Amino acid sequence: MRTIDIIKEFKRVGRISEYDTQEKARLKGGLLLGDMLDRFRNISVGTSTAVRKMHLYSAHDATITALLYALNLGDGLLVPYAACLFMELYRAGNDEAVVKTDRKAEISSEETVEFMETQKFLQIFYKNETESVHELSVPECTEPCTLDQLINLTEKTTVHTLKELNQVTHRLISATYQ
């Protein structure tokens, strides 16, 4: 192994160790994830004060890594420069299916149609240094992943306010130094 490869591996291990536990993911990416999910929830129930078609966040590789780990999508690899993460919210209409990248979710009964009319679905895409965009699947979330499922699955890594983040940080510091 060359010296540069050893240095790159130290960098990778060091960077990933900043996010590789639930607590670290919550501290580093929880506030951003909480903001995004709160916006999705507000739009889905019609309480958003500023309905926009799109919200864009500009971030460094470290922020995208933190968000991936908060979503339980971290893979142990470094996020390359100029990587992108897309989260899209969908609602199925009366006679629509949820459109996936190359396929449609099948609707087979009235019960399924009723369920889909009331549910909002999320798709998450990741663009790294490759030519193609990759769809990511959150572990333990059905296909398609509903907004409610994602909110429940990320409850332990999500922070919704700065006050909550300060409380989490204070608890961790107090536990560390006692």
C-alpha atoms as a PDB file:
ATOM      1  CA  MET A   1       0.000   0.000   0.000  1.00  0.00           C
ATOM      2  CA  ARG A   2       1.342   3.404  -0.967  1.00  0.00           C
ATOM      3  CA  THR A   3       1.709   6.230   1.544  1.00  0.00           C
ATOM      4  CA  ILE A   4      -0.997   8.301  -0.146  1.00  0.00           C
ATOM      5  CA  ASP A   5      -3.432   5.372   0.106  1.00  0.00           C
ATOM      6  CA  ILE A   6      -2.718   5.070   3.821  1.00  0.00           C
ATOM      7  CA  ILE A   7      -3.333   8.800   4.286  1.00  0.00           C
ATOM      8  CA  LYS A   8      -6.616   8.586   2.330  1.00  0.00           C
ATOM      9  CA  GLU A   9      -7.759   5.672   4.477  1.00  0.00           C
ATOM     10  CA  PHE A  10      -6.964   7.601   7.682  1.00  0.00           C
ATOM     11  CA  LYS A  11      -8.980  10.521   6.316  1.00  0.00           C
ATOM     12  CA  ARG A  12     -11.918   8.251   5.468  1.00  0.00           C
ATOM     13  CA  VAL A  13     -11.921   6.524   8.858  1.00  0.00           C
ATOM     14  CA  GLY A  14     -11.559   9.844  10.676  1.00  0.00           C
ATOM     15  CA  ARG A  15     -14.377  11.497   8.742  1.00  0.00           C
ATOM     16  CA  ILE A  16     -16.791   8.585   9.032  1.00  0.00           C
ATOM     17  CA  SER A  17     -16.111   8.243  12.772  1.00  0.00           C
ATOM     18  CA  GLU A  18     -17.667  11.707  13.182  1.00  0.00           C
ATOM     19  CA  TYR A  19     -21.092  10.328  12.161  1.00  0.00           C
ATOM     20  CA  ASP A  20     -21.121   6.562  12.664  1.00  0.00           C
ATOM     21  CA  THR A  21     -23.318   6.371  15.768  1.00  0.00           C
ATOM     22  CA  GLN A  22     -26.910   7.413  16.271  1.00  0.00           C
ATOM     23  CA  GLU A  23     -25.878  10.148  18.740  1.00  0.00           C
ATOM     24  CA  LYS A  24     -23.253  11.597  16.407  1.00  0.00           C
ATOM     25  CA  ALA A  25     -25.620  11.482  13.431  1.00  0.00           C
ATOM     26  CA  ARG A  26     -28.244  13.301  15.509  1.00  0.00           C
ATOM     27  CA  LEU A  27     -25.806  15.999  16.625  1.00  0.00           C
ATOM     28  CA  LYS A  28     -24.306  16.565  13.185  1.00  0.00           C
ATOM     29  CA  GLY A  29     -27.235  16.026  10.814  1.00  0.00           C
ATOM     30  CA  GLY A  30     -30.337  15.955  12.984  1.00  0.00           C
ATOM     31  CA  LEU A  31     -31.216  19.639  12.804  1.00  0.00           C
ATOM     32  CA  LEU A  32     -31.050  19.743   8.994  1.00  0.00           C
ATOM     33  CA  LEU A  33     -33.042  16.510   8.701  1.00  0.00           C
ATOM     34  CA  GLY A  34     -35.577  17.829  11.210  1.00  0.00           C
ATOM     35  CA  ASP A  35     -35.990  21.026   9.199  1.00  0.00           C
ATOM     36  CA  MET A  36     -36.499  19.101   5.969  1.00  0.00           C
ATOM     37  CA  LEU A  37     -39.001  16.662   7.476  1.00  0.00           C
ATOM     38  CA  ASP A  38     -40.890  19.485   9.208  1.00  0.00           C
ATOM     39  CA  ARG A  39     -41.215  21.269   5.858  1.00  0.00           C
ATOM     40  CA  PHE A  40     -42.434  18.064   4.183  1.00  0.00           C
ATOM     41  CA  ARG A  41     -44.938  17.458   6.991  1.00  0.00           C
ATOM     42  CA  ASN A  42     -46.247  21.035   6.847  1.00  0.00           C
ATOM     43  CA  ILE A  43     -46.699  20.823   3.082  1.00  0.00           C
ATOM     44  CA  SER A  44     -48.409  17.428   3.329  1.00  0.00           C
ATOM     45  CA  VAL A  45     -51.021  18.648   5.834  1.00  0.00           C
ATOM     46  CA  GLY A  46     -51.438  22.072   4.254  1.00  0.00           C
ATOM     47  CA  THR A  47     -50.005  24.163   7.107  1.00  0.00           C
ATOM     48  CA  SER A  48     -46.945  25.458   5.301  1.00  0.00           C
ATOM     49  CA  THR A  49     -46.805  29.251   5.408  1.00  0.00           C
ATOM     50  CA  ALA A  50     -44.719  29.507   2.237  1.00  0.00           C
ATOM     51  CA  VAL A  51     -45.625  26.799  -0.227  1.00  0.00           C
ATOM     52  CA  ARG A  52     -42.777  26.417  -2.666  1.00  0.00           C
ATOM     53  CA  LYS A  53     -42.192  23.849  -5.326  1.00  0.00           C
ATOM     54  CA  MET A  54     -38.598  23.388  -4.220  1.00  0.00           C
ATOM     55  CA  HIS A  55     -36.234  24.090  -1.347  1.00  0.00           C
ATOM     56  CA  LEU A  56     -32.523  24.056  -2.080  1.00  0.00           C
ATOM     57  CA  TYR A  57     -29.827  23.707   0.529  1.00  0.00           C
ATOM     58  CA  SER A  58     -26.186  24.307  -0.269  1.00  0.00           C
ATOM     59  CA  ALA A  59     -23.832  22.210   1.810  1.00  0.00           C
ATOM     60  CA  HIS A  60     -20.342  20.821   2.127  1.00  0.00           C
ATOM     61  CA  ASP A  61     -19.493  17.152   1.849  1.00  0.00           C
ATOM     62  CA  ALA A  62     -19.487  16.879   5.658  1.00  0.00           C
ATOM     63  CA  THR A  63     -23.089  18.102   5.851  1.00  0.00           C
ATOM     64  CA  ILE A  64     -24.237  15.616   3.226  1.00  0.00           C
ATOM     65  CA  THR A  65     -22.414  12.856   5.108  1.00  0.00           C
ATOM     66  CA  ALA A  66     -24.155  13.905   8.335  1.00  0.00           C
ATOM     67  CA  LEU A  67     -27.539  13.885   6.595  1.00  0.00           C
ATOM     68  CA  LEU A  68     -26.903  10.445   5.070  1.00  0.00           C
ATOM     69  CA  TYR A  69     -26.020   9.019   8.489  1.00  0.00           C
ATOM     70  CA  ALA A  70     -29.045  10.699  10.122  1.00  0.00           C
ATOM     71  CA  LEU A  71     -31.163   8.923   7.483  1.00  0.00           C
ATOM     72  CA  ASN A  72     -29.317   5.648   8.243  1.00  0.00           C
ATOM     73  CA  LEU A  73     -27.939   5.670   4.687  1.00  0.00           C
ATOM     74  CA  GLY A  74     -24.236   6.053   5.474  1.00  0.00           C
ATOM     75  CA  ASP A  75     -22.089   3.521   3.651  1.00  0.00           C
ATOM     76  CA  GLY A  76     -18.639   4.142   5.125  1.00  0.00           C
ATOM     77  CA  LEU A  77     -17.409   6.000   2.045  1.00  0.00           C
ATOM     78  CA  LEU A  78     -16.405   9.628   1.750  1.00  0.00           C
ATOM     79  CA  VAL A  79     -18.889  11.910   0.038  1.00  0.00           C
ATOM     80  CA  PRO A  80     -17.102  13.395  -2.982  1.00  0.00           C
ATOM     81  CA  TYR A  81     -17.015  17.097  -3.727  1.00  0.00           C
ATOM     82  CA  ALA A  82     -20.042  18.342  -5.689  1.00  0.00           C
ATOM     83  CA  ALA A  83     -22.208  15.427  -4.542  1.00  0.00           C
ATOM     84  CA  CYS A  84     -25.960  16.035  -4.342  1.00  0.00           C
ATOM     85  CA  LEU A  85     -28.758  14.570  -2.263  1.00  0.00           C
ATOM     86  CA  PHE A  86     -32.348  14.972  -3.482  1.00  0.00           C
ATOM     87  CA  MET A  87     -35.438  14.299  -1.395  1.00  0.00           C
ATOM     88  CA  GLU A  88     -38.712  14.424  -3.309  1.00  0.00           C
ATOM     89  CA  LEU A  89     -42.215  14.348  -1.816  1.00  0.00           C
ATOM     90  CA  TYR A  90     -45.073  12.834  -3.830  1.00  0.00           C
ATOM     91  CA  ARG A  91     -48.799  12.450  -3.354  1.00  0.00           C
ATOM     92  CA  ALA A  92     -50.841   9.911  -5.278  1.00  0.00           C
ATOM     93  CA  GLY A  93     -54.088  11.219  -6.742  1.00  0.00           C
ATOM     94  CA  ASN A  94     -57.379   9.431  -7.375  1.00  0.00           C
ATOM     95  CA  ASP A  95     -56.264   7.469 -10.414  1.00  0.00           C
ATOM     96  CA  GLU A  96     -52.512   7.891 -10.152  1.00  0.00           C
ATOM     97  CA  ALA A  97     -49.840   5.523  -8.983  1.00  0.00           C
ATOM     98  CA  VAL A  98     -46.688   6.647  -7.272  1.00  0.00           C
ATOM     99  CA  VAL A  99     -44.171   7.054 -10.055  1.00  0.00           C
ATOM    100  CA  LYS A 100     -40.846   5.460  -9.261  1.00  0.00           C
ATOM    101  CA  THR A 101     -37.782   6.045 -11.396  1.00  0.00           C
ATOM    102  CA  ASP A 102     -38.550   3.403 -14.034  1.00  0.00           C
ATOM    103  CA  ARG A 103     -41.647   1.714 -12.672  1.00  0.00           C
ATOM    104  CA  LYS A 104     -45.030   2.378 -11.106  1.00  0.00           C
ATOM    105  CA  ALA A 105     -46.295   1.004  -7.824  1.00  0.00           C
ATOM    106  CA  GLU A 106     -49.257  -1.169  -8.680  1.00  0.00           C
ATOM    107  CA  ILE A 107     -52.676  -0.350  -7.282  1.00  0.00           C
ATOM    108  CA  SER A 108     -54.698  -3.528  -6.943  1.00  0.00           C
ATOM    109  CA  SER A 109     -57.708  -2.690  -4.767  1.00  0.00           C
ATOM    110  CA  GLU A 110     -59.931   0.132  -3.537  1.00  0.00           C
ATOM    111  CA  GLU A 111     -58.280  -0.127  -0.121  1.00  0.00           C
ATOM    112  CA  THR A 112     -54.865   0.485  -1.656  1.00  0.00           C
ATOM    113  CA  VAL A 113     -56.191   3.451  -3.633  1.00  0.00           C
ATOM    114  CA  GLU A 114     -57.710   4.965  -0.481  1.00  0.00           C
ATOM    115  CA  PHE A 115     -54.442   4.443   1.409  1.00  0.00           C
ATOM    116  CA  MET A 116     -52.396   6.017  -1.365  1.00  0.00           C
ATOM    117  CA  GLU A 117     -54.690   9.045  -1.607  1.00  0.00           C
ATOM    118  CA  THR A 118     -53.999   9.880   2.033  1.00  0.00           C
ATOM    119  CA  GLN A 119     -50.288   9.113   2.066  1.00  0.00           C
ATOM    120  CA  LYS A 120     -47.307  11.154   0.978  1.00  0.00           C
ATOM    121  CA  PHE A 121     -44.296   9.326  -0.384  1.00  0.00           C
ATOM    122  CA  LEU A 122     -40.620  10.204  -0.395  1.00  0.00           C
ATOM    123  CA  GLN A 123     -37.900   9.281  -2.801  1.00  0.00           C
ATOM    124  CA  ILE A 124     -34.267   9.959  -2.001  1.00  0.00           C
ATOM    125  CA  PHE A 125     -31.646  10.235  -4.720  1.00  0.00           C
ATOM    126  CA  TYR A 126     -27.875  10.602  -4.459  1.00  0.00           C
ATOM    127  CA  LYS A 127     -25.519  11.892  -7.125  1.00  0.00           C
ATOM    128  CA  ASN A 128     -21.846  11.245  -6.491  1.00  0.00           C
ATOM    129  CA  GLU A 129     -18.949  11.333  -8.947  1.00  0.00           C
ATOM    130  CA  THR A 130     -20.544   8.755 -11.259  1.00  0.00           C
ATOM    131  CA  GLU A 131     -22.628   9.648 -14.303  1.00  0.00           C
ATOM    132  CA  SER A 132     -25.902   8.351 -12.906  1.00  0.00           C
ATOM    133  CA  VAL A 133     -28.164   9.350 -10.045  1.00  0.00           C
ATOM    134  CA  HIS A 134     -28.783   6.565  -7.510  1.00  0.00           C
ATOM    135  CA  GLU A 135     -32.076   6.026  -5.724  1.00  0.00           C
ATOM    136  CA  LEU A 136     -31.495   5.287  -2.038  1.00  0.00           C
ATOM    137  CA  SER A 137     -33.768   3.148   0.113  1.00  0.00           C
ATOM    138  CA  VAL A 138     -34.041   3.872   3.819  1.00  0.00           C
ATOM    139  CA  PRO A 139     -33.627   0.620   5.781  1.00  0.00           C
ATOM    140  CA  GLU A 140     -36.918  -0.718   7.195  1.00  0.00           C
ATOM    141  CA  CYS A 141     -38.983   1.691   5.072  1.00  0.00           C
ATOM    142  CA  THR A 142     -41.426   0.142   2.606  1.00  0.00           C
ATOM    143  CA  GLU A 143     -41.260   0.832  -1.113  1.00  0.00           C
ATOM    144  CA  PRO A 144     -42.482   3.443  -1.674  1.00  0.00           C
ATOM    145  CA  CYS A 145     -41.453   4.999   1.635  1.00  0.00           C
ATOM    146  CA  THR A 146     -44.192   7.087   3.229  1.00  0.00           C
ATOM    147  CA  LEU A 147     -43.443  10.376   4.930  1.00  0.00           C
ATOM    148  CA  ASP A 148     -44.913   9.055   8.192  1.00  0.00           C
ATOM    149  CA  GLN A 149     -42.653   5.989   8.063  1.00  0.00           C
ATOM    150  CA  LEU A 150     -39.562   8.092   7.464  1.00  0.00           C
ATOM    151  CA  ILE A 151     -40.451  10.449  10.309  1.00  0.00           C
ATOM    152  CA  ASN A 152     -40.901   7.468  12.660  1.00  0.00           C
ATOM    153  CA  LEU A 153     -37.721   5.713  11.510  1.00  0.00           C
ATOM    154  CA  THR A 154     -35.571   8.832  11.934  1.00  0.00           C
ATOM    155  CA  GLU A 155     -37.087   9.957  15.231  1.00  0.00           C
ATOM    156  CA  LYS A 156     -33.891   9.161  17.173  1.00  0.00           C
ATOM    157  CA  THR A 157     -31.633  11.055  14.765  1.00  0.00           C
ATOM    158  CA  THR A 158     -33.848  14.085  14.175  1.00  0.00           C
ATOM    159  CA  VAL A 159     -33.717  17.414  16.014  1.00  0.00           C
ATOM    160  CA  HIS A 160     -36.431  20.004  15.351  1.00  0.00           C
ATOM    161  CA  THR A 161     -35.215  23.152  17.153  1.00  0.00           C
ATOM    162  CA  LEU A 162     -31.967  24.740  18.294  1.00  0.00           C
ATOM    163  CA  LYS A 163     -33.239  24.476  21.868  1.00  0.00           C
ATOM    164  CA  GLU A 164     -33.639  20.713  21.451  1.00  0.00           C
ATOM    165  CA  LEU A 165     -30.145  20.463  19.929  1.00  0.00           C
ATOM    166  CA  ASN A 166     -28.707  22.397  22.888  1.00  0.00           C
ATOM    167  CA  GLN A 167     -30.467  20.044  25.323  1.00  0.00           C
ATOM    168  CA  VAL A 168     -29.089  16.971  23.556  1.00  0.00           C
ATOM    169  CA  THR A 169     -25.593  18.474  23.539  1.00  0.00           C
ATOM    170  CA  HIS A 170     -25.822  19.429  27.221  1.00  0.00           C
ATOM    171  CA  ARG A 171     -26.946  15.895  28.180  1.00  0.00           C
ATOM    172  CA  LEU A 172     -24.045  14.342  26.281  1.00  0.00           C
ATOM    173  CA  ILE A 173     -21.478  16.720  27.767  1.00  0.00           C
ATOM    174  CA  SER A 174     -22.857  16.194  31.280  1.00  0.00           C
ATOM    175  CA  ALA A 175     -22.758  12.416  30.875  1.00  0.00           C
ATOM    176  CA  THR A 176     -19.204  12.544  29.517  1.00  0.00           C
ATOM    177  CA  TYR A 177     -17.735  14.625  32.340  1.00  0.00           C
ATOM    178  CA  GLN A 178     -19.467  13.096  35.367  1.00  0.00           C
END
